[in-house]
C-alpha atoms as a PDB file:
ATOM      1  CA  UNK A   1      -1.509 -33.691 -15.999  1.00  0.00           C
ATOM      2  CA  UNK A   2      -0.536 -35.973 -13.125  1.00  0.00           C
ATOM      3  CA  UNK A   3      -0.459 -34.630  -9.576  1.00  0.00           C
ATOM      4  CA  UNK A   4       3.339 -34.912  -9.305  1.00  0.00           C
ATOM      5  CA  UNK A   5       3.885 -33.036 -12.562  1.00  0.00           C
ATOM      6  CA  UNK A   6       1.354 -30.360 -11.577  1.00  0.00           C
ATOM      7  CA  UNK A   7       3.090 -29.736  -8.237  1.00  0.00           C
ATOM      8  CA  UNK A   8       6.585 -29.667  -9.749  1.00  0.00           C
ATOM      9  CA  UNK A   9       5.540 -27.208 -12.447  1.00  0.00           C
ATOM     10  CA  UNK A  10       3.657 -25.054  -9.931  1.00  0.00           C
ATOM     11  CA  UNK A  11       6.612 -24.898  -7.507  1.00  0.00           C
ATOM     12  CA  UNK A  12       8.961 -23.961 -10.355  1.00  0.00           C
ATOM     13  CA  UNK A  13       6.726 -21.285 -11.823  1.00  0.00           C
ATOM     14  CA  UNK A  14       5.943 -19.337  -8.640  1.00  0.00           C
ATOM     15  CA  UNK A  15       9.646 -18.656  -7.992  1.00  0.00           C
ATOM     16  CA  UNK A  16       9.306 -15.791 -10.494  1.00  0.00           C
ATOM     17  CA  UNK A  17       7.263 -13.986  -7.832  1.00  0.00           C
ATOM     18  CA  UNK A  18       9.526 -14.901  -4.881  1.00  0.00           C
ATOM     19  CA  UNK A  19       7.023 -17.465  -3.624  1.00  0.00           C
ATOM     20  CA  UNK A  20       8.049 -20.788  -2.076  1.00  0.00           C
ATOM     21  CA  UNK A  21       5.238 -23.277  -1.648  1.00  0.00           C
ATOM     22  CA  UNK A  22       4.930 -25.708   1.233  1.00  0.00           C
ATOM     23  CA  UNK A  23       3.694 -29.215   0.538  1.00  0.00           C
ATOM     24  CA  UNK A  24       0.352 -28.265   2.094  1.00  0.00           C
ATOM     25  CA  UNK A  25      -0.008 -25.264  -0.236  1.00  0.00           C
ATOM     26  CA  UNK A  26       0.791 -27.437  -3.264  1.00  0.00           C
ATOM     27  CA  UNK A  27      -1.833 -29.941  -2.099  1.00  0.00           C
ATOM     28  CA  UNK A  28      -4.411 -27.177  -1.631  1.00  0.00           C
ATOM     29  CA  UNK A  29      -3.867 -25.753  -5.107  1.00  0.00           C
ATOM     30  CA  UNK A  30      -4.076 -29.212  -6.689  1.00  0.00           C
ATOM     31  CA  UNK A  31      -7.288 -29.950  -4.768  1.00  0.00           C
ATOM     32  CA  UNK A  32      -8.688 -26.568  -5.823  1.00  0.00           C
ATOM     33  CA  UNK A  33      -8.028 -27.384  -9.480  1.00  0.00           C
ATOM     34  CA  UNK A  34      -9.796 -30.736  -9.142  1.00  0.00           C
ATOM     35  CA  UNK A  35     -12.833 -29.091  -7.504  1.00  0.00           C
ATOM     36  CA  UNK A  36     -12.923 -26.387 -10.164  1.00  0.00           C
ATOM     37  CA  UNK A  37     -12.943 -28.890 -13.021  1.00  0.00           C
ATOM     38  CA  UNK A  38     -15.416 -31.194 -11.254  1.00  0.00           C
ATOM     39  CA  UNK A  39     -17.911 -28.417 -10.514  1.00  0.00           C
ATOM     40  CA  UNK A  40     -17.387 -26.940 -13.965  1.00  0.00           C
ATOM     41  CA  UNK A  41     -19.121 -29.978 -15.431  1.00  0.00           C
ATOM     42  CA  UNK A  42     -22.299 -28.950 -13.556  1.00  0.00           C
ATOM     43  CA  UNK A  43     -22.107 -25.165 -13.877  1.00  0.00           C
ATOM     44  CA  UNK A  44     -20.186 -22.660 -15.975  1.00  0.00           C
ATOM     45  CA  UNK A  45     -17.260 -21.553 -13.791  1.00  0.00           C
ATOM     46  CA  UNK A  46     -14.476 -21.318 -16.355  1.00  0.00           C
ATOM     47  CA  UNK A  47     -13.887 -21.788 -20.074  1.00  0.00           C
ATOM     48  CA  UNK A  48     -10.371 -22.991 -19.215  1.00  0.00           C
ATOM     49  CA  UNK A  49     -10.523 -26.734 -18.610  1.00  0.00           C
ATOM     50  CA  UNK A  50      -7.057 -28.100 -19.420  1.00  0.00           C
ATOM     51  CA  UNK A  51      -4.986 -28.552 -16.212  1.00  0.00           C
ATOM     52  CA  UNK A  52      -1.903 -26.906 -17.798  1.00  0.00           C
ATOM     53  CA  UNK A  53      -3.983 -23.851 -18.677  1.00  0.00           C
ATOM     54  CA  UNK A  54      -5.689 -23.731 -15.270  1.00  0.00           C
ATOM     55  CA  UNK A  55      -2.240 -23.711 -13.694  1.00  0.00           C
ATOM     56  CA  UNK A  56      -0.979 -20.879 -15.907  1.00  0.00           C
ATOM     57  CA  UNK A  57      -4.011 -18.725 -16.678  1.00  0.00           C
ATOM     58  CA  UNK A  58      -5.714 -18.980 -13.286  1.00  0.00           C
ATOM     59  CA  UNK A  59      -3.195 -19.970 -10.598  1.00  0.00           C
ATOM     60  CA  UNK A  60       0.095 -18.397 -11.752  1.00  0.00           C
ATOM     61  CA  UNK A  61      -1.728 -15.329 -13.052  1.00  0.00           C
ATOM     62  CA  UNK A  62      -3.438 -14.855  -9.654  1.00  0.00           C
ATOM     63  CA  UNK A  63      -0.216 -15.433  -7.708  1.00  0.00           C
ATOM     64  CA  UNK A  64       1.589 -12.861  -9.874  1.00  0.00           C
ATOM     65  CA  UNK A  65       0.303  -9.991  -7.716  1.00  0.00           C
ATOM     66  CA  UNK A  66       1.692 -11.467  -4.470  1.00  0.00           C
ATOM     67  CA  UNK A  67       4.645  -9.002  -4.471  1.00  0.00           C
ATOM     68  CA  UNK A  68       2.147  -6.114  -4.180  1.00  0.00           C
ATOM     69  CA  UNK A  69       0.306  -7.601  -1.203  1.00  0.00           C
ATOM     70  CA  UNK A  70       2.513  -6.239   1.609  1.00  0.00           C
ATOM     71  CA  UNK A  71       0.626  -4.786   4.593  1.00  0.00           C
ATOM     72  CA  UNK A  72      -2.555  -6.494   3.396  1.00  0.00           C
ATOM     73  CA  UNK A  73      -4.116  -7.832   6.583  1.00  0.00           C
ATOM     74  CA  UNK A  74      -7.647  -7.529   5.168  1.00  0.00           C
ATOM     75  CA  UNK A  75      -8.181  -8.206   1.483  1.00  0.00           C
ATOM     76  CA  UNK A  76     -11.345  -7.967  -0.635  1.00  0.00           C
ATOM     77  CA  UNK A  77     -11.643  -9.724  -4.012  1.00  0.00           C
ATOM     78  CA  UNK A  78     -14.333  -7.864  -5.981  1.00  0.00           C
ATOM     79  CA  UNK A  79     -16.127  -9.972  -8.598  1.00  0.00           C
ATOM     80  CA  UNK A  80     -14.150 -13.065  -7.639  1.00  0.00           C
ATOM     81  CA  UNK A  81     -15.999 -15.440  -9.993  1.00  0.00           C
ATOM     82  CA  UNK A  82     -14.582 -18.935  -9.426  1.00  0.00           C
ATOM     83  CA  UNK A  83     -12.158 -17.500  -6.846  1.00  0.00           C
ATOM     84  CA  UNK A  84      -9.551 -15.618  -8.839  1.00  0.00           C
ATOM     85  CA  UNK A  85      -7.310 -14.109  -7.709  1.00  0.00           C
ATOM     86  CA  UNK A  86      -8.623 -14.500  -4.142  1.00  0.00           C
ATOM     87  CA  UNK A  87      -8.293 -18.247  -3.452  1.00  0.00           C
ATOM     88  CA  UNK A  88      -4.734 -18.695  -4.791  1.00  0.00           C
ATOM     89  CA  UNK A  89      -3.668 -15.557  -2.914  1.00  0.00           C
ATOM     90  CA  UNK A  90      -5.274 -16.848   0.288  1.00  0.00           C
ATOM     91  CA  UNK A  91      -3.378 -20.140  -0.051  1.00  0.00           C
ATOM     92  CA  UNK A  92      -0.117 -18.222  -0.530  1.00  0.00           C
ATOM     93  CA  UNK A  93      -0.925 -15.784   2.334  1.00  0.00           C
ATOM     94  CA  UNK A  94      -2.588 -17.993   4.972  1.00  0.00           C
ATOM     95  CA  UNK A  95      -2.391 -15.404   7.770  1.00  0.00           C
ATOM     96  CA  UNK A  96      -4.227 -12.692   5.840  1.00  0.00           C
ATOM     97  CA  UNK A  97      -7.990 -12.231   6.074  1.00  0.00           C
ATOM     98  CA  UNK A  98      -9.894 -12.509   2.761  1.00  0.00           C
ATOM     99  CA  UNK A  99     -13.420 -11.686   1.620  1.00  0.00           C
ATOM    100  CA  UNK A 100     -14.556 -13.017  -1.759  1.00  0.00           C
ATOM    101  CA  UNK A 101     -17.457 -11.036  -3.220  1.00  0.00           C
ATOM    102  CA  UNK A 102     -19.576 -12.160  -6.172  1.00  0.00           C
ATOM    103  CA  UNK A 103     -23.092 -11.401  -7.399  1.00  0.00           C
ATOM    104  CA  UNK A 104     -23.865 -14.989  -8.508  1.00  0.00           C
ATOM    105  CA  UNK A 105     -24.998 -17.248  -5.666  1.00  0.00           C
ATOM    106  CA  UNK A 106     -24.014 -20.488  -7.425  1.00  0.00           C
ATOM    107  CA  UNK A 107     -20.405 -19.326  -7.496  1.00  0.00           C
ATOM    108  CA  UNK A 108     -20.594 -18.606  -3.768  1.00  0.00           C
ATOM    109  CA  UNK A 109     -21.779 -22.186  -3.128  1.00  0.00           C
ATOM    110  CA  UNK A 110     -18.747 -23.433  -5.056  1.00  0.00           C
ATOM    111  CA  UNK A 111     -16.367 -21.146  -3.137  1.00  0.00           C
ATOM    112  CA  UNK A 112     -17.823 -22.238   0.203  1.00  0.00           C
ATOM    113  CA  UNK A 113     -17.134 -25.852  -0.780  1.00  0.00           C
ATOM    114  CA  UNK A 114     -13.560 -24.944  -1.760  1.00  0.00           C
ATOM    115  CA  UNK A 115     -13.031 -23.181   1.571  1.00  0.00           C
ATOM    116  CA  UNK A 116     -14.410 -26.204   3.427  1.00  0.00           C
ATOM    117  CA  UNK A 117     -12.478 -28.843   1.467  1.00  0.00           C
ATOM    118  CA  UNK A 118      -9.179 -26.927   1.623  1.00  0.00           C
ATOM    119  CA  UNK A 119      -9.716 -26.138   5.335  1.00  0.00           C
ATOM    120  CA  UNK A 120      -9.005 -22.459   4.749  1.00  0.00           C
ATOM    121  CA  UNK A 121      -9.407 -20.073   7.690  1.00  0.00           C
ATOM    122  CA  UNK A 122      -9.932 -16.315   7.923  1.00  0.00           C
ATOM    123  CA  UNK A 123     -11.836 -16.266   4.633  1.00  0.00           C
ATOM    124  CA  UNK A 124     -15.490 -15.706   3.717  1.00  0.00           C
ATOM    125  CA  UNK A 125     -17.443 -15.852   0.469  1.00  0.00           C
ATOM    126  CA  UNK A 126     -20.211 -13.251   0.221  1.00  0.00           C
ATOM    127  CA  UNK A 127     -23.125 -13.199  -2.201  1.00  0.00           C
ATOM    128  CA  UNK A 128     -23.835  -9.612  -3.181  1.00  0.00           C
ATOM    129  CA  UNK A 129     -23.141  -6.668  -5.433  1.00  0.00           C
ATOM    130  CA  UNK A 130     -20.367  -4.256  -4.532  1.00  0.00           C
ATOM    131  CA  UNK A 131     -22.823  -1.332  -4.549  1.00  0.00           C
ATOM    132  CA  UNK A 132     -24.931  -3.014  -1.842  1.00  0.00           C
ATOM    133  CA  UNK A 133     -22.210  -4.714   0.218  1.00  0.00           C
ATOM    134  CA  UNK A 134     -20.330  -1.422   0.679  1.00  0.00           C
ATOM    135  CA  UNK A 135     -22.198  -0.422   3.826  1.00  0.00           C
ATOM    136  CA  UNK A 136     -21.387  -0.500   7.527  1.00  0.00           C
ATOM    137  CA  UNK A 137     -18.056  -2.094   8.467  1.00  0.00           C
ATOM    138  CA  UNK A 138     -17.259  -3.057   4.869  1.00  0.00           C
ATOM    139  CA  UNK A 139     -16.893   0.562   3.794  1.00  0.00           C
ATOM    140  CA  UNK A 140     -13.239   1.627   4.079  1.00  0.00           C
ATOM    141  CA  UNK A 141     -12.679  -1.607   5.992  1.00  0.00           C
ATOM    142  CA  UNK A 142     -10.001  -3.233   3.802  1.00  0.00           C
ATOM    143  CA  UNK A 143      -6.288  -2.690   3.322  1.00  0.00           C
ATOM    144  CA  UNK A 144      -6.360  -3.909  -0.266  1.00  0.00           C
ATOM    145  CA  UNK A 145      -9.062  -4.610  -2.856  1.00  0.00           C
ATOM    146  CA  UNK A 146      -8.137  -6.804  -5.812  1.00  0.00           C
ATOM    147  CA  UNK A 147      -9.939  -7.551  -9.042  1.00  0.00           C
ATOM    148  CA  UNK A 148      -9.250  -9.414 -12.261  1.00  0.00           C
ATOM    149  CA  UNK A 149     -10.998  -8.599 -15.545  1.00  0.00           C
ATOM    150  CA  UNK A 150     -14.286  -7.318 -14.078  1.00  0.00           C
ATOM    151  CA  UNK A 151     -14.951  -3.974 -15.797  1.00  0.00           C
ATOM    152  CA  UNK A 152     -13.332  -0.867 -17.284  1.00  0.00           C
ATOM    153  CA  UNK A 153     -11.283   1.076 -14.743  1.00  0.00           C
ATOM    154  CA  UNK A 154     -13.657   4.011 -14.255  1.00  0.00           C
ATOM    155  CA  UNK A 155     -16.440   1.530 -13.423  1.00  0.00           C
ATOM    156  CA  UNK A 156     -14.271  -0.919 -11.525  1.00  0.00           C
ATOM    157  CA  UNK A 157     -12.844   1.720  -9.201  1.00  0.00           C
ATOM    158  CA  UNK A 158     -16.314   2.870  -8.173  1.00  0.00           C
ATOM    159  CA  UNK A 159     -16.835  -0.715  -7.006  1.00  0.00           C
ATOM    160  CA  UNK A 160     -13.414  -1.007  -5.324  1.00  0.00           C
ATOM    161  CA  UNK A 161     -12.190   2.273  -3.839  1.00  0.00           C
ATOM    162  CA  UNK A 162     -15.085   2.802  -1.364  1.00  0.00           C
ATOM    163  CA  UNK A 163     -14.031  -0.444   0.375  1.00  0.00           C
ATOM    164  CA  UNK A 164     -10.402   0.595   0.879  1.00  0.00           C
ATOM    165  CA  UNK A 165      -8.979   2.392   3.909  1.00  0.00           C
ATOM    166  CA  UNK A 166      -7.115   5.654   3.409  1.00  0.00           C
ATOM    167  CA  UNK A 167      -3.532   4.575   2.788  1.00  0.00           C
ATOM    168  CA  UNK A 168      -4.693   1.265   1.283  1.00  0.00           C
ATOM    169  CA  UNK A 169      -4.662   0.241  -2.370  1.00  0.00           C
ATOM    170  CA  UNK A 170      -6.681  -1.227  -5.218  1.00  0.00           C
ATOM    171  CA  UNK A 171      -4.816  -3.750  -7.354  1.00  0.00           C
ATOM    172  CA  UNK A 172      -6.427  -4.031 -10.790  1.00  0.00           C
ATOM    173  CA  UNK A 173      -5.290  -6.834 -13.091  1.00  0.00           C
ATOM    174  CA  UNK A 174      -5.811  -5.542 -16.623  1.00  0.00           C
ATOM    175  CA  UNK A 175      -4.947  -6.433 -20.191  1.00  0.00           C
ATOM    176  CA  UNK A 176      -1.934  -4.907 -21.893  1.00  0.00           C
ATOM    177  CA  UNK A 177      -3.660  -2.189 -23.902  1.00  0.00           C
ATOM    178  CA  UNK A 178      -5.069   0.154 -21.245  1.00  0.00           C
ATOM    179  CA  UNK A 179      -3.895   3.661 -22.230  1.00  0.00           C
ATOM    180  CA  UNK A 180      -7.345   4.803 -23.357  1.00  0.00           C
ATOM    181  CA  UNK A 181      -8.996   3.134 -20.378  1.00  0.00           C
ATOM    182  CA  UNK A 182      -6.582   4.879 -17.991  1.00  0.00           C
ATOM    183  CA  UNK A 183      -7.255   8.245 -19.580  1.00  0.00           C
ATOM    184  CA  UNK A 184     -11.019   7.722 -19.221  1.00  0.00           C
ATOM    185  CA  UNK A 185     -10.543   6.759 -15.566  1.00  0.00           C
ATOM    186  CA  UNK A 186      -8.549   9.811 -14.431  1.00  0.00           C
ATOM    187  CA  UNK A 187     -11.586  11.768 -13.249  1.00  0.00           C
ATOM    188  CA  UNK A 188     -13.033   8.727 -11.459  1.00  0.00           C
ATOM    189  CA  UNK A 189      -9.725   8.117  -9.674  1.00  0.00           C
ATOM    190  CA  UNK A 190      -9.654  11.710  -8.412  1.00  0.00           C
ATOM    191  CA  UNK A 191     -13.361  11.866  -7.484  1.00  0.00           C
ATOM    192  CA  UNK A 192     -13.233   8.562  -5.591  1.00  0.00           C
ATOM    193  CA  UNK A 193     -10.203   9.572  -3.516  1.00  0.00           C
ATOM    194  CA  UNK A 194      -7.414   7.750  -5.284  1.00  0.00           C
ATOM    195  CA  UNK A 195      -4.173   8.386  -7.114  1.00  0.00           C
ATOM    196  CA  UNK A 196      -2.196   6.222  -9.522  1.00  0.00           C
ATOM    197  CA  UNK A 197       0.630   4.739  -7.461  1.00  0.00           C
ATOM    198  CA  UNK A 198       2.209   2.547 -10.135  1.00  0.00           C
ATOM    199  CA  UNK A 199       1.536   0.660 -13.336  1.00  0.00           C
ATOM    200  CA  UNK A 200       3.651  -2.385 -13.950  1.00  0.00           C
ATOM    201  CA  UNK A 201       3.842  -4.890 -16.774  1.00  0.00           C
ATOM    202  CA  UNK A 202       4.157  -8.574 -15.947  1.00  0.00           C
ATOM    203  CA  UNK A 203       4.928 -11.415 -18.330  1.00  0.00           C
ATOM    204  CA  UNK A 204       4.447 -14.928 -17.004  1.00  0.00           C
ATOM    205  CA  UNK A 205       7.681 -16.870 -17.530  1.00  0.00           C
ATOM    206  CA  UNK A 206       7.776 -19.274 -20.487  1.00  0.00           C
ATOM    207  CA  UNK A 207       4.482 -17.883 -21.843  1.00  0.00           C
ATOM    208  CA  UNK A 208       3.336 -15.027 -24.048  1.00  0.00           C
ATOM    209  CA  UNK A 209       0.861 -13.966 -21.351  1.00  0.00           C
ATOM    210  CA  UNK A 210       1.450 -10.335 -20.395  1.00  0.00           C
ATOM    211  CA  UNK A 211      -0.748  -7.993 -18.386  1.00  0.00           C
ATOM    212  CA  UNK A 212      -0.669  -4.595 -16.731  1.00  0.00           C
ATOM    213  CA  UNK A 213      -1.033  -4.276 -12.974  1.00  0.00           C
ATOM    214  CA  UNK A 214      -2.604  -0.933 -12.088  1.00  0.00           C
ATOM    215  CA  UNK A 215      -2.216   0.053  -8.437  1.00  0.00           C
ATOM    216  CA  UNK A 216      -4.391   2.890  -7.159  1.00  0.00           C
ATOM    217  CA  UNK A 217      -3.573   4.286  -3.721  1.00  0.00           C
ATOM    218  CA  UNK A 218      -6.405   5.651  -1.573  1.00  0.00           C
ATOM    219  CA  UNK A 219      -5.384   9.124  -0.372  1.00  0.00           C
ATOM    220  CA  UNK A 220      -8.680  10.546   0.862  1.00  0.00           C
ATOM    221  CA  UNK A 221     -12.149   9.404   1.873  1.00  0.00           C
ATOM    222  CA  UNK A 222     -14.507   8.394  -0.920  1.00  0.00           C
ATOM    223  CA  UNK A 223     -17.594  10.662  -0.997  1.00  0.00           C
ATOM    224  CA  UNK A 224     -20.580   8.963   0.624  1.00  0.00           C
ATOM    225  CA  UNK A 225     -22.617   9.056  -2.610  1.00  0.00           C
ATOM    226  CA  UNK A 226     -20.309   6.370  -4.074  1.00  0.00           C
ATOM    227  CA  UNK A 227     -20.826   3.654  -5.020  1.00  0.00           C
ATOM    228  CA  UNK A 228     -24.126   4.653  -6.578  1.00  0.00           C
ATOM    229  CA  UNK A 229     -27.086   2.273  -6.657  1.00  0.00           C
ATOM    230  CA  UNK A 230     -26.739  -1.108  -8.353  1.00  0.00           C
ATOM    231  CA  UNK A 231     -26.320  -0.876 -12.109  1.00  0.00           C
ATOM    232  CA  UNK A 232     -25.579   2.847 -12.237  1.00  0.00           C
ATOM    233  CA  UNK A 233     -21.744   2.697 -12.317  1.00  0.00           C
ATOM    234  CA  UNK A 234     -21.753   0.575 -15.480  1.00  0.00           C
ATOM    235  CA  UNK A 235     -24.560   2.510 -17.193  1.00  0.00           C
ATOM    236  CA  UNK A 236     -23.339   6.009 -16.230  1.00  0.00           C
ATOM    237  CA  UNK A 237     -19.584   5.735 -15.512  1.00  0.00           C
ATOM    238  CA  UNK A 238     -17.715   8.679 -14.020  1.00  0.00           C
ATOM    239  CA  UNK A 239     -16.065  10.504 -16.944  1.00  0.00           C
END
């Protein structure tokens, strides 16, 4: 996929989410794709290696939650991996402050290089687990926490909700079939201080890619015992 074609397709596809890209933003996303594919030859960052699929399954998919990012001055991407959805969202929302959190240090090295090469500001990549990073200023320090395909909801929300301010939200990007997962998560949502604000279904235009966006609003303080020590949320989820 040539650069011109990539940028034209990108600009056309983001209109679905009321996003208009500047030339600089198009350049940044193209450069990000090149870095992703280059580094992927040295380390396992993504199984998606065709430019057309990177554009759709990583970039457009990440940008799809932009409409839910109002009042998001401080954003945390939990389990960001190779930077999704955090880096595309940061490019789209240059004035917002972003923290990218991941437990694998090699991914953090990659993200730091992306931040440097793209000259992104008000963004940091942090090596750590959510259970350990959620101390001090980080706890209830964010307007929005986002996450894409990290864990089941009752586990994921124990990682996410403690970081969010009262009145803030968690935006969870999930697969289509989540009814059972939602039912299992109801107690965790209540215990952790949240409530289901909305669940919306998004289909990316001209694709068969559909996902559910689950938005959990933080309505009260998360009890201090959460998140529990590293490894516990996944082994003993709140049910």
